[in-house]
Every structure is written in structure tokens, then in C-alpha cells.
Amino acid sequence: MLTNINPKLPMRDKVATKNFYINKLGFQNLGNSDFDGYLMVEKDSVQIHFFEFKELDPNTNYGQVYIRTNDIENLYQSLLDAKVTIHPNGALQIKPWGQKEFALLDPDNNLLTFGQSEN
């Protein structure tokens, strides 16, 4: 049986990615080991893994993750308070499909969309 999913996204610079996810988004380093070219972070019950891709062109990166939350308004405000840049087309809003969502880009242009059901 399937029990969980942990997306793997590309990163050019492990230090920059770690700094963004830990210091801006409030994730924590996962595990005790520091693997060369690989990073794992977690927040609440969400894990995101990153693999090193030094040649990545952020302008052609289509990495995306959809993360569900049960307190989207507080999450959104906490990120604004931390001066995290929200995607220009990703402000908090209710989408036609009934989800309240917002989105942001990480340092490598991986799109993180956060959503909560309105029902």
C-alpha cells in the first residue's frame, strides 16, 4: 500500500536552498546526515527532497509541488511577515475549482502552491 509521497526537486546550490526552506519557510533539516548533493527538509508532515543539478537553468525549470494545508490564511500571513516573495500571479485567492490557494517560487524557480479546500 502507498503511504506517503516525498517530492524530489532540483537545486543548483544546496546552501541557498537550505537557507530558503529553513530560514524563510520554516522547514527543518531532516535527519542527522549531510549527504553530498542531496537535501531533505520537513515541516509538520511534509517532506521535500532536493537533488543537486548545478547546470539547471531556473528559467526552464518546471518543478512543482502542491502542498495542502488546514490553515492557509495564517500560513500566507506568516510568509508575508517573513518577507517571502509571493508569485506575481499567486496571491491568496479562491480558485474556480474550490481551493483557496497561493504560490511562490524557490531560488531555483520550483513552484510551491499551497492549497486548502473551501468545502
C-alpha atoms as a PDB file:
ATOM      1  CA  MET A   1       0.000   0.000   0.000  1.00  0.00           C
ATOM      2  CA  LEU A   2       1.108   3.543  -0.663  1.00  0.00           C
ATOM      3  CA  THR A   3       1.577   5.588   2.484  1.00  0.00           C
ATOM      4  CA  ASN A   4       3.278   8.872   1.580  1.00  0.00           C
ATOM      5  CA  ILE A   5       4.894  10.900  -1.160  1.00  0.00           C
ATOM      6  CA  ASN A   6       8.076  12.954  -0.914  1.00  0.00           C
ATOM      7  CA  PRO A   7       8.718  15.072  -3.996  1.00  0.00           C
ATOM      8  CA  LYS A   8      12.258  15.483  -5.285  1.00  0.00           C
ATOM      9  CA  LEU A   9      13.106  18.858  -6.790  1.00  0.00           C
ATOM     10  CA  PRO A  10      16.272  20.139  -8.471  1.00  0.00           C
ATOM     11  CA  MET A  11      18.586  22.613  -6.745  1.00  0.00           C
ATOM     12  CA  ARG A  12      21.651  24.429  -8.011  1.00  0.00           C
ATOM     13  CA  ASP A  13      23.070  25.486  -4.648  1.00  0.00           C
ATOM     14  CA  LYS A  14      22.438  23.399  -1.544  1.00  0.00           C
ATOM     15  CA  VAL A  15      23.301  26.247   0.862  1.00  0.00           C
ATOM     16  CA  ALA A  16      20.877  28.666  -0.847  1.00  0.00           C
ATOM     17  CA  THR A  17      18.101  26.064  -0.990  1.00  0.00           C
ATOM     18  CA  LYS A  18      18.593  25.063   2.642  1.00  0.00           C
ATOM     19  CA  ASN A  19      18.628  28.699   3.732  1.00  0.00           C
ATOM     20  CA  PHE A  20      15.386  29.465   1.857  1.00  0.00           C
ATOM     21  CA  TYR A  21      13.425  26.466   3.132  1.00  0.00           C
ATOM     22  CA  ILE A  22      14.689  26.616   6.717  1.00  0.00           C
ATOM     23  CA  ASN A  23      15.055  30.354   7.347  1.00  0.00           C
ATOM     24  CA  LYS A  24      12.235  31.661   5.127  1.00  0.00           C
ATOM     25  CA  LEU A  25       9.635  28.889   5.010  1.00  0.00           C
ATOM     26  CA  GLY A  26      10.177  27.376   8.455  1.00  0.00           C
ATOM     27  CA  PHE A  27      11.173  23.860   7.419  1.00  0.00           C
ATOM     28  CA  GLN A  28      13.722  21.848   9.396  1.00  0.00           C
ATOM     29  CA  ASN A  29      16.631  19.752   8.219  1.00  0.00           C
ATOM     30  CA  LEU A  30      15.575  16.109   8.055  1.00  0.00           C
ATOM     31  CA  GLY A  31      17.910  13.523   9.520  1.00  0.00           C
ATOM     32  CA  ASN A  32      21.341  13.700  11.083  1.00  0.00           C
ATOM     33  CA  SER A  33      23.402  13.148   7.951  1.00  0.00           C
ATOM     34  CA  ASP A  34      24.555  15.704   5.420  1.00  0.00           C
ATOM     35  CA  PHE A  35      24.601  13.946   2.061  1.00  0.00           C
ATOM     36  CA  ASP A  36      26.706  15.419  -0.712  1.00  0.00           C
ATOM     37  CA  GLY A  37      24.430  16.798  -3.426  1.00  0.00           C
ATOM     38  CA  TYR A  38      21.205  15.906  -1.620  1.00  0.00           C
ATOM     39  CA  LEU A  39      18.991  17.764   0.859  1.00  0.00           C
ATOM     40  CA  MET A  40      15.911  16.687   2.814  1.00  0.00           C
ATOM     41  CA  VAL A  41      13.680  19.126   4.713  1.00  0.00           C
ATOM     42  CA  GLU A  42      10.414  18.727   6.576  1.00  0.00           C
ATOM     43  CA  LYS A  43       7.673  20.828   8.114  1.00  0.00           C
ATOM     44  CA  ASP A  44       4.796  19.269  10.002  1.00  0.00           C
ATOM     45  CA  SER A  45       4.103  16.087   7.992  1.00  0.00           C
ATOM     46  CA  VAL A  46       5.537  17.327   4.681  1.00  0.00           C
ATOM     47  CA  GLN A  47       8.961  16.302   3.399  1.00  0.00           C
ATOM     48  CA  ILE A  48      10.648  17.724   0.323  1.00  0.00           C
ATOM     49  CA  HIS A  49      13.860  16.247  -1.066  1.00  0.00           C
ATOM     50  CA  PHE A  50      16.299  18.046  -3.369  1.00  0.00           C
ATOM     51  CA  PHE A  51      18.953  16.721  -5.705  1.00  0.00           C
ATOM     52  CA  GLU A  52      21.893  18.753  -6.930  1.00  0.00           C
ATOM     53  CA  PHE A  53      21.611  19.952 -10.526  1.00  0.00           C
ATOM     54  CA  LYS A  54      24.287  22.632 -10.917  1.00  0.00           C
ATOM     55  CA  GLU A  55      23.556  23.166 -14.627  1.00  0.00           C
ATOM     56  CA  LEU A  56      19.851  23.838 -14.009  1.00  0.00           C
ATOM     57  CA  ASP A  57      18.538  26.892 -15.834  1.00  0.00           C
ATOM     58  CA  PRO A  58      15.895  28.343 -13.494  1.00  0.00           C
ATOM     59  CA  ASN A  59      14.127  29.901 -16.481  1.00  0.00           C
ATOM     60  CA  THR A  60      13.392  26.455 -17.899  1.00  0.00           C
ATOM     61  CA  ASN A  61      12.689  24.654 -14.607  1.00  0.00           C
ATOM     62  CA  TYR A  62       9.159  23.327 -14.314  1.00  0.00           C
ATOM     63  CA  GLY A  63       9.496  21.655 -10.891  1.00  0.00           C
ATOM     64  CA  GLN A  64       6.232  21.982  -8.984  1.00  0.00           C
ATOM     65  CA  VAL A  65       4.726  20.782  -5.724  1.00  0.00           C
ATOM     66  CA  TYR A  66       1.164  21.206  -4.442  1.00  0.00           C
ATOM     67  CA  ILE A  67       1.046  21.277  -0.638  1.00  0.00           C
ATOM     68  CA  ARG A  68      -2.238  21.046   1.237  1.00  0.00           C
ATOM     69  CA  THR A  69      -2.732  22.961   4.464  1.00  0.00           C
ATOM     70  CA  ASN A  70      -5.519  23.355   7.021  1.00  0.00           C
ATOM     71  CA  ASP A  71      -4.673  26.964   7.979  1.00  0.00           C
ATOM     72  CA  ILE A  72      -3.882  28.725   4.726  1.00  0.00           C
ATOM     73  CA  GLU A  73      -4.602  32.275   5.859  1.00  0.00           C
ATOM     74  CA  ASN A  74      -2.189  32.108   8.806  1.00  0.00           C
ATOM     75  CA  LEU A  75       0.433  30.377   6.660  1.00  0.00           C
ATOM     76  CA  TYR A  76       0.094  33.056   3.983  1.00  0.00           C
ATOM     77  CA  GLN A  77       0.369  35.874   6.512  1.00  0.00           C
ATOM     78  CA  SER A  78       3.386  34.281   8.222  1.00  0.00           C
ATOM     79  CA  LEU A  79       5.191  34.120   4.883  1.00  0.00           C
ATOM     80  CA  LEU A  80       4.324  37.739   4.117  1.00  0.00           C
ATOM     81  CA  ASP A  81       5.611  38.702   7.568  1.00  0.00           C
ATOM     82  CA  ALA A  82       8.860  36.833   6.820  1.00  0.00           C
ATOM     83  CA  LYS A  83       9.160  38.858   3.584  1.00  0.00           C
ATOM     84  CA  VAL A  84       8.830  35.787   1.362  1.00  0.00           C
ATOM     85  CA  THR A  85       8.027  36.863  -2.182  1.00  0.00           C
ATOM     86  CA  ILE A  86       4.685  35.517  -3.372  1.00  0.00           C
ATOM     87  CA  HIS A  87       4.478  34.596  -7.068  1.00  0.00           C
ATOM     88  CA  PRO A  88       3.198  37.581  -9.102  1.00  0.00           C
ATOM     89  CA  ASN A  89       0.192  35.509 -10.198  1.00  0.00           C
ATOM     90  CA  GLY A  90      -0.035  33.588  -6.941  1.00  0.00           C
ATOM     91  CA  ALA A  91      -1.700  35.820  -4.344  1.00  0.00           C
ATOM     92  CA  LEU A  92      -4.112  34.112  -1.950  1.00  0.00           C
ATOM     93  CA  GLN A  93      -7.436  33.598  -3.668  1.00  0.00           C
ATOM     94  CA  ILE A  94     -10.254  31.130  -4.139  1.00  0.00           C
ATOM     95  CA  LYS A  95      -9.826  29.305  -7.421  1.00  0.00           C
ATOM     96  CA  PRO A  96     -12.723  28.234  -9.684  1.00  0.00           C
ATOM     97  CA  TRP A  97     -12.139  24.613  -8.603  1.00  0.00           C
ATOM     98  CA  GLY A  98     -12.977  25.486  -4.980  1.00  0.00           C
ATOM     99  CA  GLN A  99      -9.487  25.636  -3.467  1.00  0.00           C
ATOM    100  CA  LYS A 100      -8.090  28.630  -1.622  1.00  0.00           C
ATOM    101  CA  GLU A 101      -4.520  28.855  -2.917  1.00  0.00           C
ATOM    102  CA  PHE A 102      -1.330  30.871  -3.157  1.00  0.00           C
ATOM    103  CA  ALA A 103       2.011  30.166  -4.778  1.00  0.00           C
ATOM    104  CA  LEU A 104       5.678  31.113  -4.583  1.00  0.00           C
ATOM    105  CA  LEU A 105       8.947  30.266  -6.283  1.00  0.00           C
ATOM    106  CA  ASP A 106      12.045  28.949  -4.540  1.00  0.00           C
ATOM    107  CA  PRO A 107      15.590  30.055  -5.543  1.00  0.00           C
ATOM    108  CA  ASP A 108      15.574  27.579  -8.458  1.00  0.00           C
ATOM    109  CA  ASN A 109      12.091  28.502  -9.727  1.00  0.00           C
ATOM    110  CA  ASN A 110      10.452  25.391  -8.297  1.00  0.00           C
ATOM    111  CA  LEU A 111       6.799  26.394  -7.921  1.00  0.00           C
ATOM    112  CA  LEU A 112       5.268  25.727  -4.499  1.00  0.00           C
ATOM    113  CA  THR A 113       1.479  26.002  -4.466  1.00  0.00           C
ATOM    114  CA  PHE A 114      -0.313  25.860  -1.111  1.00  0.00           C
ATOM    115  CA  GLY A 115      -3.985  24.970  -1.042  1.00  0.00           C
ATOM    116  CA  GLN A 116      -6.905  24.442   1.294  1.00  0.00           C
ATOM    117  CA  SER A 117     -10.397  23.179   0.433  1.00  0.00           C
ATOM    118  CA  GLU A 118     -13.166  25.707   0.884  1.00  0.00           C
ATOM    119  CA  ASN A 119     -15.755  22.961   1.383  1.00  0.00           C
END
